[in-house]
PDB file of N, CA and C in Angstrom:
ATOM      1  N   MET A   1     150.645 -17.149  -7.203  1.00  0.00           N
ATOM      2  CA  MET A   1     151.044 -18.369  -6.523  1.00  0.00           C
ATOM      3  C   MET A   1     149.841 -18.915  -5.783  1.00  0.00           C
ATOM      4  N   SER A   2     149.581 -20.174  -5.950  1.00  0.00           N
ATOM      5  CA  SER A   2     148.507 -20.849  -5.228  1.00  0.00           C
ATOM      6  C   SER A   2     149.118 -21.889  -4.306  1.00  0.00           C
ATOM      7  N   PHE A   3     148.412 -22.185  -3.224  1.00  0.00           N
ATOM      8  CA  PHE A   3     148.910 -23.132  -2.240  1.00  0.00           C
ATOM      9  C   PHE A   3     148.063 -24.384  -2.237  1.00  0.00           C
ATOM     10  N   ASN A   4     148.713 -25.526  -2.122  1.00  0.00           N
ATOM     11  CA  ASN A   4     148.050 -26.817  -2.058  1.00  0.00           C
ATOM     12  C   ASN A   4     147.613 -27.076  -0.628  1.00  0.00           C
ATOM     13  N   ASN A   5     146.330 -27.326  -0.404  1.00  0.00           N
ATOM     14  CA  ASN A   5     145.797 -27.543   0.935  1.00  0.00           C
ATOM     15  C   ASN A   5     146.347 -28.789   1.606  1.00  0.00           C
ATOM     16  N   SER A   6     146.844 -29.761   0.839  1.00  0.00           N
ATOM     17  CA  SER A   6     147.345 -30.989   1.443  1.00  0.00           C
ATOM     18  C   SER A   6     148.753 -30.807   2.014  1.00  0.00           C
ATOM     19  N   ASN A   7     149.365 -29.672   1.744  1.00  0.00           N
ATOM     20  CA  ASN A   7     150.713 -29.391   2.227  1.00  0.00           C
ATOM     21  C   ASN A   7     150.664 -29.075   3.718  1.00  0.00           C
ATOM     22  N   LYS A   8     151.314 -29.913   4.535  1.00  0.00           N
ATOM     23  CA  LYS A   8     151.268 -29.759   5.988  1.00  0.00           C
ATOM     24  C   LYS A   8     152.515 -29.085   6.545  1.00  0.00           C
ATOM     25  N   ILE A   9     153.355 -28.520   5.714  1.00  0.00           N
ATOM     26  CA  ILE A   9     154.561 -27.837   6.168  1.00  0.00           C
ATOM     27  C   ILE A   9     154.152 -26.569   6.918  1.00  0.00           C
ATOM     28  N   ARG A  10     154.823 -26.320   8.060  1.00  0.00           N
ATOM     29  CA  ARG A  10     154.558 -25.106   8.826  1.00  0.00           C
ATOM     30  C   ARG A  10     155.799 -24.216   8.739  1.00  0.00           C
ATOM     31  N   TYR A  11     155.669 -23.128   8.001  1.00  0.00           N
ATOM     32  CA  TYR A  11     156.790 -22.222   7.803  1.00  0.00           C
ATOM     33  C   TYR A  11     157.001 -21.347   9.030  1.00  0.00           C
ATOM     34  N   SER A  12     158.252 -20.960   9.247  1.00  0.00           N
ATOM     35  CA  SER A  12     158.616 -20.083  10.354  1.00  0.00           C
ATOM     36  C   SER A  12     157.855 -18.764  10.237  1.00  0.00           C
ATOM     37  N   ARG A  13     157.382 -18.278  11.367  1.00  0.00           N
ATOM     38  CA  ARG A  13     156.618 -17.033  11.375  1.00  0.00           C
ATOM     39  C   ARG A  13     157.513 -15.868  11.790  1.00  0.00           C
ATOM     40  N   LYS A  14     157.331 -14.747  11.115  1.00  0.00           N
ATOM     41  CA  LYS A  14     158.086 -13.542  11.437  1.00  0.00           C
ATOM     42  C   LYS A  14     157.159 -12.575  12.157  1.00  0.00           C
ATOM     43  N   PRO A  15     157.530 -12.135  13.369  1.00  0.00           N
ATOM     44  CA  PRO A  15     156.726 -11.115  14.042  1.00  0.00           C
ATOM     45  C   PRO A  15     156.711  -9.846  13.180  1.00  0.00           C
ATOM     46  N   LEU A  16     155.567  -9.200  13.122  1.00  0.00           N
ATOM     47  CA  LEU A  16     155.423  -8.010  12.288  1.00  0.00           C
ATOM     48  C   LEU A  16     154.394  -7.098  12.931  1.00  0.00           C
ATOM     49  N   THR A  17     154.700  -5.813  12.985  1.00  0.00           N
ATOM     50  CA  THR A  17     153.767  -4.842  13.538  1.00  0.00           C
ATOM     51  C   THR A  17     153.311  -3.927  12.412  1.00  0.00           C
ATOM     52  N   THR A  18     152.108  -4.166  11.941  1.00  0.00           N
ATOM     53  CA  THR A  18     151.521  -3.341  10.894  1.00  0.00           C
ATOM     54  C   THR A  18     150.020  -3.586  10.890  1.00  0.00           C
ATOM     55  N   SER A  19     149.315  -2.880  10.039  1.00  0.00           N
ATOM     56  CA  SER A  19     147.862  -3.040   9.938  1.00  0.00           C
ATOM     57  C   SER A  19     147.492  -3.851   8.706  1.00  0.00           C
ATOM     58  N   CYS A  20     146.300  -4.408   8.761  1.00  0.00           N
ATOM     59  CA  CYS A  20     145.785  -5.203   7.654  1.00  0.00           C
ATOM     60  C   CYS A  20     144.291  -4.922   7.519  1.00  0.00           C
ATOM     61  N   LEU A  21     143.848  -4.711   6.309  1.00  0.00           N
ATOM     62  CA  LEU A  21     142.427  -4.569   6.032  1.00  0.00           C
ATOM     63  C   LEU A  21     141.921  -5.920   5.557  1.00  0.00           C
ATOM     64  N   LEU A  22     140.981  -6.498   6.290  1.00  0.00           N
ATOM     65  CA  LEU A  22     140.390  -7.787   5.937  1.00  0.00           C
ATOM     66  C   LEU A  22     139.023  -7.520   5.333  1.00  0.00           C
ATOM     67  N   LEU A  23     138.787  -8.051   4.126  1.00  0.00           N
ATOM     68  CA  LEU A  23     137.504  -7.898   3.444  1.00  0.00           C
ATOM     69  C   LEU A  23     136.833  -9.251   3.327  1.00  0.00           C
ATOM     70  N   ARG A  24     135.550  -9.280   3.684  1.00  0.00           N
ATOM     71  CA  ARG A  24     134.764 -10.518   3.635  1.00  0.00           C
ATOM     72  C   ARG A  24     133.342 -10.168   3.229  1.00  0.00           C
ATOM     73  N   GLN A  25     132.891 -10.659   2.104  1.00  0.00           N
ATOM     74  CA  GLN A  25     131.526 -10.468   1.613  1.00  0.00           C
ATOM     75  C   GLN A  25     131.079  -9.006   1.678  1.00  0.00           C
ATOM     76  N   GLY A  26     131.910  -8.110   1.156  1.00  0.00           N
ATOM     77  CA  GLY A  26     131.560  -6.702   1.076  1.00  0.00           C
ATOM     78  C   GLY A  26     131.728  -5.922   2.371  1.00  0.00           C
ATOM     79  N   ARG A  27     132.184  -6.560   3.423  1.00  0.00           N
ATOM     80  CA  ARG A  27     132.415  -5.889   4.704  1.00  0.00           C
ATOM     81  C   ARG A  27     133.909  -5.888   4.976  1.00  0.00           C
ATOM     82  N   SER A  28     134.355  -4.944   5.808  1.00  0.00           N
ATOM     83  CA  SER A  28     135.781  -4.862   6.102  1.00  0.00           C
ATOM     84  C   SER A  28     136.023  -4.568   7.573  1.00  0.00           C
ATOM     85  N   ILE A  29     137.222  -4.935   8.017  1.00  0.00           N
ATOM     86  CA  ILE A  29     137.656  -4.663   9.377  1.00  0.00           C
ATOM     87  C   ILE A  29     139.170  -4.452   9.350  1.00  0.00           C
ATOM     88  N   VAL A  30     139.635  -3.478  10.121  1.00  0.00           N
ATOM     89  CA  VAL A  30     141.066  -3.250  10.260  1.00  0.00           C
ATOM     90  C   VAL A  30     141.569  -4.119  11.399  1.00  0.00           C
ATOM     91  N   MET A  31     142.659  -4.832  11.142  1.00  0.00           N
ATOM     92  CA  MET A  31     143.242  -5.720  12.147  1.00  0.00           C
ATOM     93  C   MET A  31     144.736  -5.451  12.235  1.00  0.00           C
ATOM     94  N   GLU A  32     145.337  -5.872  13.339  1.00  0.00           N
ATOM     95  CA  GLU A  32     146.781  -5.754  13.524  1.00  0.00           C
ATOM     96  C   GLU A  32     147.441  -7.086  13.182  1.00  0.00           C
ATOM     97  N   VAL A  33     148.539  -7.026  12.450  1.00  0.00           N
ATOM     98  CA  VAL A  33     149.300  -8.227  12.126  1.00  0.00           C
ATOM     99  C   VAL A  33     150.148  -8.602  13.335  1.00  0.00           C
ATOM    100  N   LYS A  34     150.062  -9.865  13.759  1.00  0.00           N
ATOM    101  CA  LYS A  34     150.922 -10.370  14.836  1.00  0.00           C
ATOM    102  C   LYS A  34     152.153 -11.045  14.253  1.00  0.00           C
ATOM    103  N   ASN A  35     151.945 -11.858  13.209  1.00  0.00           N
ATOM    104  CA  ASN A  35     153.077 -12.480  12.527  1.00  0.00           C
ATOM    105  C   ASN A  35     152.646 -12.923  11.139  1.00  0.00           C
ATOM    106  N   ILE A  36     153.656 -13.201  10.325  1.00  0.00           N
ATOM    107  CA  ILE A  36     153.416 -13.591   8.937  1.00  0.00           C
ATOM    108  C   ILE A  36     154.434 -14.666   8.563  1.00  0.00           C
ATOM    109  N   SER A  37     154.033 -15.559   7.673  1.00  0.00           N
ATOM    110  CA  SER A  37     154.940 -16.597   7.175  1.00  0.00           C
ATOM    111  C   SER A  37     154.766 -16.705   5.669  1.00  0.00           C
ATOM    112  N   ALA A  38     155.490 -17.630   5.065  1.00  0.00           N
ATOM    113  CA  ALA A  38     155.372 -17.847   3.626  1.00  0.00           C
ATOM    114  C   ALA A  38     154.006 -18.398   3.247  1.00  0.00           C
ATOM    115  N   SER A  39     153.282 -18.958   4.215  1.00  0.00           N
ATOM    116  CA  SER A  39     152.002 -19.595   3.892  1.00  0.00           C
ATOM    117  C   SER A  39     150.787 -18.983   4.577  1.00  0.00           C
ATOM    118  N   GLY A  40     150.985 -18.016   5.480  1.00  0.00           N
ATOM    119  CA  GLY A  40     149.822 -17.459   6.159  1.00  0.00           C
ATOM    120  C   GLY A  40     150.145 -16.303   7.081  1.00  0.00           C
ATOM    121  N   ILE A  41     149.124 -15.899   7.848  1.00  0.00           N
ATOM    122  CA  ILE A  41     149.230 -14.703   8.680  1.00  0.00           C
ATOM    123  C   ILE A  41     148.341 -14.856   9.910  1.00  0.00           C
ATOM    124  N   LEU A  42     148.759 -14.245  11.017  1.00  0.00           N
ATOM    125  CA  LEU A  42     147.968 -14.212  12.239  1.00  0.00           C
ATOM    126  C   LEU A  42     147.608 -12.763  12.506  1.00  0.00           C
ATOM    127  N   LEU A  43     146.311 -12.494  12.616  1.00  0.00           N
ATOM    128  CA  LEU A  43     145.807 -11.138  12.814  1.00  0.00           C
ATOM    129  C   LEU A  43     145.112 -11.023  14.159  1.00  0.00           C
ATOM    130  N   GLN A  44     145.214  -9.821  14.754  1.00  0.00           N
ATOM    131  CA  GLN A  44     144.553  -9.540  16.025  1.00  0.00           C
ATOM    132  C   GLN A  44     143.556  -8.411  15.801  1.00  0.00           C
ATOM    133  N   TYR A  45     142.357  -8.568  16.366  1.00  0.00           N
ATOM    134  CA  TYR A  45     141.351  -7.518  16.249  1.00  0.00           C
ATOM    135  C   TYR A  45     141.839  -6.267  16.962  1.00  0.00           C
ATOM    136  N   ASP A  46     141.694  -5.088  16.324  1.00  0.00           N
ATOM    137  CA  ASP A  46     142.061  -3.841  16.990  1.00  0.00           C
ATOM    138  C   ASP A  46     140.906  -2.845  17.008  1.00  0.00           C
ATOM    139  N   GLU A  47     139.732  -3.318  16.680  1.00  0.00           N
ATOM    140  CA  GLU A  47     138.538  -2.485  16.773  1.00  0.00           C
ATOM    141  C   GLU A  47     137.360  -3.403  17.076  1.00  0.00           C
ATOM    142  N   GLU A  48     136.220  -2.816  17.308  1.00  0.00           N
ATOM    143  CA  GLU A  48     135.023  -3.613  17.580  1.00  0.00           C
ATOM    144  C   GLU A  48     134.802  -4.577  16.418  1.00  0.00           C
ATOM    145  N   ASN A  49     134.699  -5.843  16.734  1.00  0.00           N
ATOM    146  CA  ASN A  49     134.558  -6.865  15.706  1.00  0.00           C
ATOM    147  C   ASN A  49     133.089  -7.130  15.414  1.00  0.00           C
ATOM    148  N   ASP A  50     132.638  -6.680  14.256  1.00  0.00           N
ATOM    149  CA  ASP A  50     131.255  -6.968  13.871  1.00  0.00           C
ATOM    150  C   ASP A  50     131.189  -7.933  12.687  1.00  0.00           C
ATOM    151  N   ILE A  51     132.331  -8.460  12.286  1.00  0.00           N
ATOM    152  CA  ILE A  51     132.372  -9.479  11.242  1.00  0.00           C
ATOM    153  C   ILE A  51     132.597 -10.823  11.923  1.00  0.00           C
ATOM    154  N   LYS A  52     131.680 -11.724  11.733  1.00  0.00           N
ATOM    155  CA  LYS A  52     131.797 -13.055  12.337  1.00  0.00           C
ATOM    156  C   LYS A  52     132.484 -13.987  11.346  1.00  0.00           C
ATOM    157  N   LEU A  53     133.726 -14.298  11.620  1.00  0.00           N
ATOM    158  CA  LEU A  53     134.496 -15.182  10.748  1.00  0.00           C
ATOM    159  C   LEU A  53     134.385 -16.619  11.217  1.00  0.00           C
ATOM    160  N   ARG A  54     134.410 -17.534  10.248  1.00  0.00           N
ATOM    161  CA  ARG A  54     134.372 -18.966  10.542  1.00  0.00           C
ATOM    162  C   ARG A  54     135.489 -19.655   9.769  1.00  0.00           C
ATOM    163  N   VAL A  55     135.905 -20.801  10.253  1.00  0.00           N
ATOM    164  CA  VAL A  55     136.913 -21.595   9.552  1.00  0.00           C
ATOM    165  C   VAL A  55     136.432 -21.857   8.125  1.00  0.00           C
ATOM    166  N   ASP A  56     137.337 -21.738   7.182  1.00  0.00           N
ATOM    167  CA  ASP A  56     137.122 -21.914   5.740  1.00  0.00           C
ATOM    168  C   ASP A  56     136.507 -20.702   5.054  1.00  0.00           C
ATOM    169  N   ASP A  57     136.227 -19.612   5.779  1.00  0.00           N
ATOM    170  CA  ASP A  57     135.755 -18.390   5.125  1.00  0.00           C
ATOM    171  C   ASP A  57     136.847 -17.853   4.206  1.00  0.00           C
ATOM    172  N   PHE A  58     136.448 -17.389   3.031  1.00  0.00           N
ATOM    173  CA  PHE A  58     137.358 -16.763   2.076  1.00  0.00           C
ATOM    174  C   PHE A  58     137.436 -15.270   2.381  1.00  0.00           C
ATOM    175  N   CYS A  59     138.652 -14.726   2.406  1.00  0.00           N
ATOM    176  CA  CYS A  59     138.856 -13.303   2.677  1.00  0.00           C
ATOM    177  C   CYS A  59     139.889 -12.736   1.711  1.00  0.00           C
ATOM    178  N   VAL A  60     139.839 -11.439   1.537  1.00  0.00           N
ATOM    179  CA  VAL A  60     140.872 -10.712   0.809  1.00  0.00           C
ATOM    180  C   VAL A  60     141.568  -9.823   1.828  1.00  0.00           C
ATOM    181  N   LEU A  61     142.898  -9.819   1.789  1.00  0.00           N
ATOM    182  CA  LEU A  61     143.686  -9.048   2.746  1.00  0.00           C
ATOM    183  C   LEU A  61     144.508  -7.989   2.027  1.00  0.00           C
ATOM    184  N   GLU A  62     144.531  -6.786   2.581  1.00  0.00           N
ATOM    185  CA  GLU A  62     145.439  -5.718   2.156  1.00  0.00           C
ATOM    186  C   GLU A  62     146.356  -5.459   3.334  1.00  0.00           C
ATOM    187  N   ILE A  63     147.578  -5.949   3.251  1.00  0.00           N
ATOM    188  CA  ILE A  63     148.542  -5.817   4.333  1.00  0.00           C
ATOM    189  C   ILE A  63     149.396  -4.588   4.035  1.00  0.00           C
ATOM    190  N   ILE A  64     149.382  -3.629   4.953  1.00  0.00           N
ATOM    191  CA  ILE A  64     150.081  -2.363   4.749  1.00  0.00           C
ATOM    192  C   ILE A  64     151.521  -2.519   5.226  1.00  0.00           C
ATOM    193  N   LEU A  65     152.466  -2.563   4.277  1.00  0.00           N
ATOM    194  CA  LEU A  65     153.865  -2.783   4.634  1.00  0.00           C
ATOM    195  C   LEU A  65     154.654  -1.489   4.756  1.00  0.00           C
ATOM    196  N   ASN A  66     154.394  -0.525   3.895  1.00  0.00           N
ATOM    197  CA  ASN A  66     155.003   0.801   3.997  1.00  0.00           C
ATOM    198  C   ASN A  66     154.205   1.759   3.127  1.00  0.00           C
ATOM    199  N   ASN A  67     154.648   3.007   3.041  1.00  0.00           N
ATOM    200  CA  ASN A  67     153.901   4.014   2.281  1.00  0.00           C
ATOM    201  C   ASN A  67     153.813   3.702   0.793  1.00  0.00           C
ATOM    202  N   ASN A  68     154.742   2.898   0.292  1.00  0.00           N
ATOM    203  CA  ASN A  68     154.796   2.623  -1.140  1.00  0.00           C
ATOM    204  C   ASN A  68     154.323   1.238  -1.539  1.00  0.00           C
ATOM    205  N   PHE A  69     154.064   0.376  -0.560  1.00  0.00           N
ATOM    206  CA  PHE A  69     153.766  -1.013  -0.923  1.00  0.00           C
ATOM    207  C   PHE A  69     152.766  -1.653   0.030  1.00  0.00           C
ATOM    208  N   ASN A  70     151.697  -2.167  -0.539  1.00  0.00           N
ATOM    209  CA  ASN A  70     150.723  -2.985   0.187  1.00  0.00           C
ATOM    210  C   ASN A  70     150.724  -4.367  -0.446  1.00  0.00           C
ATOM    211  N   LEU A  71     150.538  -5.372   0.385  1.00  0.00           N
ATOM    212  CA  LEU A  71     150.487  -6.748  -0.099  1.00  0.00           C
ATOM    213  C   LEU A  71     149.026  -7.170  -0.170  1.00  0.00           C
ATOM    214  N   HIS A  72     148.559  -7.497  -1.361  1.00  0.00           N
ATOM    215  CA  HIS A  72     147.175  -7.908  -1.603  1.00  0.00           C
ATOM    216  C   HIS A  72     147.170  -9.416  -1.811  1.00  0.00           C
ATOM    217  N   VAL A  73     146.485 -10.154  -0.920  1.00  0.00           N
ATOM    218  CA  VAL A  73     146.443 -11.614  -1.036  1.00  0.00           C
ATOM    219  C   VAL A  73     145.030 -12.127  -0.776  1.00  0.00           C
ATOM    220  N   GLU A  74     144.776 -13.325  -1.262  1.00  0.00           N
ATOM    221  CA  GLU A  74     143.540 -14.034  -0.948  1.00  0.00           C
ATOM    222  C   GLU A  74     143.881 -15.101   0.072  1.00  0.00           C
ATOM    223  N   ALA A  75     142.975 -15.311   1.034  1.00  0.00           N
ATOM    224  CA  ALA A  75     143.273 -16.244   2.122  1.00  0.00           C
ATOM    225  C   ALA A  75     142.001 -16.902   2.635  1.00  0.00           C
ATOM    226  N   ASP A  76     142.188 -18.066   3.260  1.00  0.00           N
ATOM    227  CA  ASP A  76     141.103 -18.777   3.938  1.00  0.00           C
ATOM    228  C   ASP A  76     141.364 -18.770   5.436  1.00  0.00           C
ATOM    229  N   VAL A  77     140.295 -18.622   6.212  1.00  0.00           N
ATOM    230  CA  VAL A  77     140.394 -18.667   7.670  1.00  0.00           C
ATOM    231  C   VAL A  77     140.662 -20.110   8.095  1.00  0.00           C
ATOM    232  N   VAL A  78     141.669 -20.294   8.969  1.00  0.00           N
ATOM    233  CA  VAL A  78     141.976 -21.635   9.479  1.00  0.00           C
ATOM    234  C   VAL A  78     141.743 -21.751  10.984  1.00  0.00           C
ATOM    235  N   ARG A  79     141.717 -20.609  11.692  1.00  0.00           N
ATOM    236  CA  ARG A  79     141.476 -20.636  13.139  1.00  0.00           C
ATOM    237  C   ARG A  79     140.916 -19.289  13.573  1.00  0.00           C
ATOM    238  N   VAL A  80     139.931 -19.315  14.491  1.00  0.00           N
ATOM    239  CA  VAL A  80     139.308 -18.089  14.983  1.00  0.00           C
ATOM    240  C   VAL A  80     139.200 -18.151  16.500  1.00  0.00           C
ATOM    241  N   SER A  81     139.514 -17.030  17.164  1.00  0.00           N
ATOM    242  CA  SER A  81     139.275 -16.900  18.603  1.00  0.00           C
ATOM    243  C   SER A  81     138.677 -15.516  18.850  1.00  0.00           C
ATOM    244  N   GLU A  82     138.409 -15.197  20.094  1.00  0.00           N
ATOM    245  CA  GLU A  82     137.846 -13.878  20.438  1.00  0.00           C
ATOM    246  C   GLU A  82     138.809 -12.752  20.070  1.00  0.00           C
ATOM    247  N   GLU A  83     140.120 -13.005  20.175  1.00  0.00           N
ATOM    248  CA  GLU A  83     141.118 -11.959  19.986  1.00  0.00           C
ATOM    249  C   GLU A  83     141.802 -11.959  18.625  1.00  0.00           C
ATOM    250  N   GLU A  84     141.851 -13.119  17.967  1.00  0.00           N
ATOM    251  CA  GLU A  84     142.645 -13.188  16.749  1.00  0.00           C
ATOM    252  C   GLU A  84     142.083 -14.197  15.749  1.00  0.00           C
ATOM    253  N   VAL A  85     142.641 -14.108  14.541  1.00  0.00           N
ATOM    254  CA  VAL A  85     142.243 -15.013  13.466  1.00  0.00           C
ATOM    255  C   VAL A  85     143.494 -15.397  12.666  1.00  0.00           C
ATOM    256  N   ALA A  86     143.620 -16.680  12.361  1.00  0.00           N
ATOM    257  CA  ALA A  86     144.726 -17.184  11.547  1.00  0.00           C
ATOM    258  C   ALA A  86     144.191 -17.509  10.157  1.00  0.00           C
ATOM    259  N   LEU A  87     144.943 -17.109   9.144  1.00  0.00           N
ATOM    260  CA  LEU A  87     144.543 -17.347   7.760  1.00  0.00           C
ATOM    261  C   LEU A  87     145.700 -17.954   6.984  1.00  0.00           C
ATOM    262  N   LYS A  88     145.361 -18.825   6.033  1.00  0.00           N
ATOM    263  CA  LYS A  88     146.381 -19.368   5.127  1.00  0.00           C
ATOM    264  C   LYS A  88     146.198 -18.705   3.771  1.00  0.00           C
ATOM    265  N   PHE A  89     147.319 -18.338   3.169  1.00  0.00           N
ATOM    266  CA  PHE A  89     147.273 -17.719   1.852  1.00  0.00           C
ATOM    267  C   PHE A  89     146.857 -18.763   0.828  1.00  0.00           C
ATOM    268  N   ILE A  90     145.939 -18.384  -0.049  1.00  0.00           N
ATOM    269  CA  ILE A  90     145.564 -19.273  -1.141  1.00  0.00           C
ATOM    270  C   ILE A  90     145.982 -18.704  -2.492  1.00  0.00           C
ATOM    271  N   LYS A  91     146.221 -17.372  -2.536  1.00  0.00           N
ATOM    272  CA  LYS A  91     146.693 -16.778  -3.782  1.00  0.00           C
ATOM    273  C   LYS A  91     147.461 -15.501  -3.472  1.00  0.00           C
ATOM    274  N   ILE A  92     148.698 -15.458  -3.984  1.00  0.00           N
ATOM    275  CA  ILE A  92     149.530 -14.263  -3.894  1.00  0.00           C
ATOM    276  C   ILE A  92     149.849 -13.862  -5.328  1.00  0.00           C
ATOM    277  N   PRO A  93     149.465 -12.649  -5.746  1.00  0.00           N
ATOM    278  CA  PRO A  93     149.771 -12.236  -7.114  1.00  0.00           C
ATOM    279  C   PRO A  93     151.276 -12.364  -7.398  1.00  0.00           C
ATOM    280  N   GLU A  94     151.603 -12.776  -8.596  1.00  0.00           N
ATOM    281  CA  GLU A  94     152.997 -13.033  -8.957  1.00  0.00           C
ATOM    282  C   GLU A  94     153.903 -11.842  -8.662  1.00  0.00           C
ATOM    283  N   GLU A  95     153.429 -10.631  -8.952  1.00  0.00           N
ATOM    284  CA  GLU A  95     154.266  -9.443  -8.748  1.00  0.00           C
ATOM    285  C   GLU A  95     154.471  -9.105  -7.268  1.00  0.00           C
ATOM    286  N   LYS A  96     153.729  -9.747  -6.373  1.00  0.00           N
ATOM    287  CA  LYS A  96     153.862  -9.502  -4.927  1.00  0.00           C
ATOM    288  C   LYS A  96     154.692 -10.578  -4.228  1.00  0.00           C
ATOM    289  N   GLN A  97     155.026 -11.659  -4.927  1.00  0.00           N
ATOM    290  CA  GLN A  97     155.746 -12.761  -4.291  1.00  0.00           C
ATOM    291  C   GLN A  97     157.150 -12.370  -3.846  1.00  0.00           C
ATOM    292  N   ILE A  98     157.928 -11.752  -4.710  1.00  0.00           N
ATOM    293  CA  ILE A  98     159.298 -11.383  -4.342  1.00  0.00           C
ATOM    294  C   ILE A  98     159.307 -10.385  -3.186  1.00  0.00           C
ATOM    295  N   PRO A  99     158.466  -9.332  -3.201  1.00  0.00           N
ATOM    296  CA  PRO A  99     158.443  -8.442  -2.034  1.00  0.00           C
ATOM    297  C   PRO A  99     158.061  -9.167  -0.738  1.00  0.00           C
ATOM    298  N   LEU A 100     157.173 -10.158  -0.810  1.00  0.00           N
ATOM    299  CA  LEU A 100     156.834 -10.927   0.392  1.00  0.00           C
ATOM    300  C   LEU A 100     158.046 -11.716   0.858  1.00  0.00           C
ATOM    301  N   TRP A 101     158.744 -12.377  -0.056  1.00  0.00           N
ATOM    302  CA  TRP A 101     159.923 -13.160   0.333  1.00  0.00           C
ATOM    303  C   TRP A 101     160.989 -12.249   0.938  1.00  0.00           C
ATOM    304  N   GLU A 102     161.149 -11.041   0.355  1.00  0.00           N
ATOM    305  CA  GLU A 102     162.122 -10.085   0.907  1.00  0.00           C
ATOM    306  C   GLU A 102     161.719  -9.646   2.310  1.00  0.00           C
ATOM    307  N   LEU A 103     160.443  -9.420   2.533  1.00  0.00           N
ATOM    308  CA  LEU A 103     159.945  -9.056   3.859  1.00  0.00           C
ATOM    309  C   LEU A 103     160.236 -10.168   4.863  1.00  0.00           C
ATOM    310  N   LEU A 104     160.006 -11.403   4.458  1.00  0.00           N
ATOM    311  CA  LEU A 104     160.207 -12.535   5.362  1.00  0.00           C
ATOM    312  C   LEU A 104     161.681 -12.791   5.656  1.00  0.00           C
ATOM    313  N   GLY A 105     162.561 -12.388   4.743  1.00  0.00           N
ATOM    314  CA  GLY A 105     163.996 -12.558   4.966  1.00  0.00           C
ATOM    315  C   GLY A 105     164.345 -14.004   5.270  1.00  0.00           C
ATOM    316  N   GLU A 106     165.060 -14.227   6.363  1.00  0.00           N
ATOM    317  CA  GLU A 106     165.512 -15.576   6.731  1.00  0.00           C
ATOM    318  C   GLU A 106     164.361 -16.513   7.065  1.00  0.00           C
ATOM    319  N   HIS A 107     163.168 -15.969   7.303  1.00  0.00           N
ATOM    320  CA  HIS A 107     162.010 -16.796   7.640  1.00  0.00           C
ATOM    321  C   HIS A 107     161.356 -17.419   6.404  1.00  0.00           C
ATOM    322  N   VAL A 108     161.727 -16.975   5.214  1.00  0.00           N
ATOM    323  CA  VAL A 108     161.018 -17.371   4.004  1.00  0.00           C
ATOM    324  C   VAL A 108     161.016 -18.876   3.770  1.00  0.00           C
ATOM    325  N   ASP A 109     162.110 -19.548   4.048  1.00  0.00           N
ATOM    326  CA  ASP A 109     162.141 -20.987   3.775  1.00  0.00           C
ATOM    327  C   ASP A 109     162.446 -21.819   5.015  1.00  0.00           C
ATOM    328  N   ARG A 110     162.373 -21.200   6.168  1.00  0.00           N
ATOM    329  CA  ARG A 110     162.619 -21.923   7.415  1.00  0.00           C
ATOM    330  C   ARG A 110     161.351 -22.668   7.820  1.00  0.00           C
ATOM    331  N   ILE A 111     161.527 -23.923   8.185  1.00  0.00           N
ATOM    332  CA  ILE A 111     160.408 -24.779   8.589  1.00  0.00           C
ATOM    333  C   ILE A 111     160.422 -24.919  10.106  1.00  0.00           C
ATOM    334  N   GLU A 112     159.230 -24.816  10.735  1.00  0.00           N
ATOM    335  CA  GLU A 112     159.122 -25.050  12.176  1.00  0.00           C
ATOM    336  C   GLU A 112     158.928 -26.526  12.430  1.00  0.00           C
ATOM    337  N   LYS A 113     159.428 -26.994  13.548  1.00  0.00           N
ATOM    338  CA  LYS A 113     159.291 -28.413  13.901  1.00  0.00           C
ATOM    339  C   LYS A 113     158.130 -28.618  14.827  1.00  0.00           C
TER     340      LYS A 113
END
């Protein structure tokens, strides 16, 4: 699944407590997930941050959901602060879409105003 950048819909975010491995240009950092939506994710740094992220940086994310399932997605950075980074999904493998929608539950198609 690919996302159209011109789409300005803001999907409801689901709070989530789990870890995420963010990969950028051969480097990686473990981050904590604060929330997730159908179109993106908000991550919080949980270790010394030596990766300098900028808006529009391309990243690969491995979101650890349970012992049997990790969500692998491609994403672009949309916002960066000292404590956290927001990313929008640009590609979710087809076989991972249904598990993501199941994880989101009622948040999957809810729009924020």
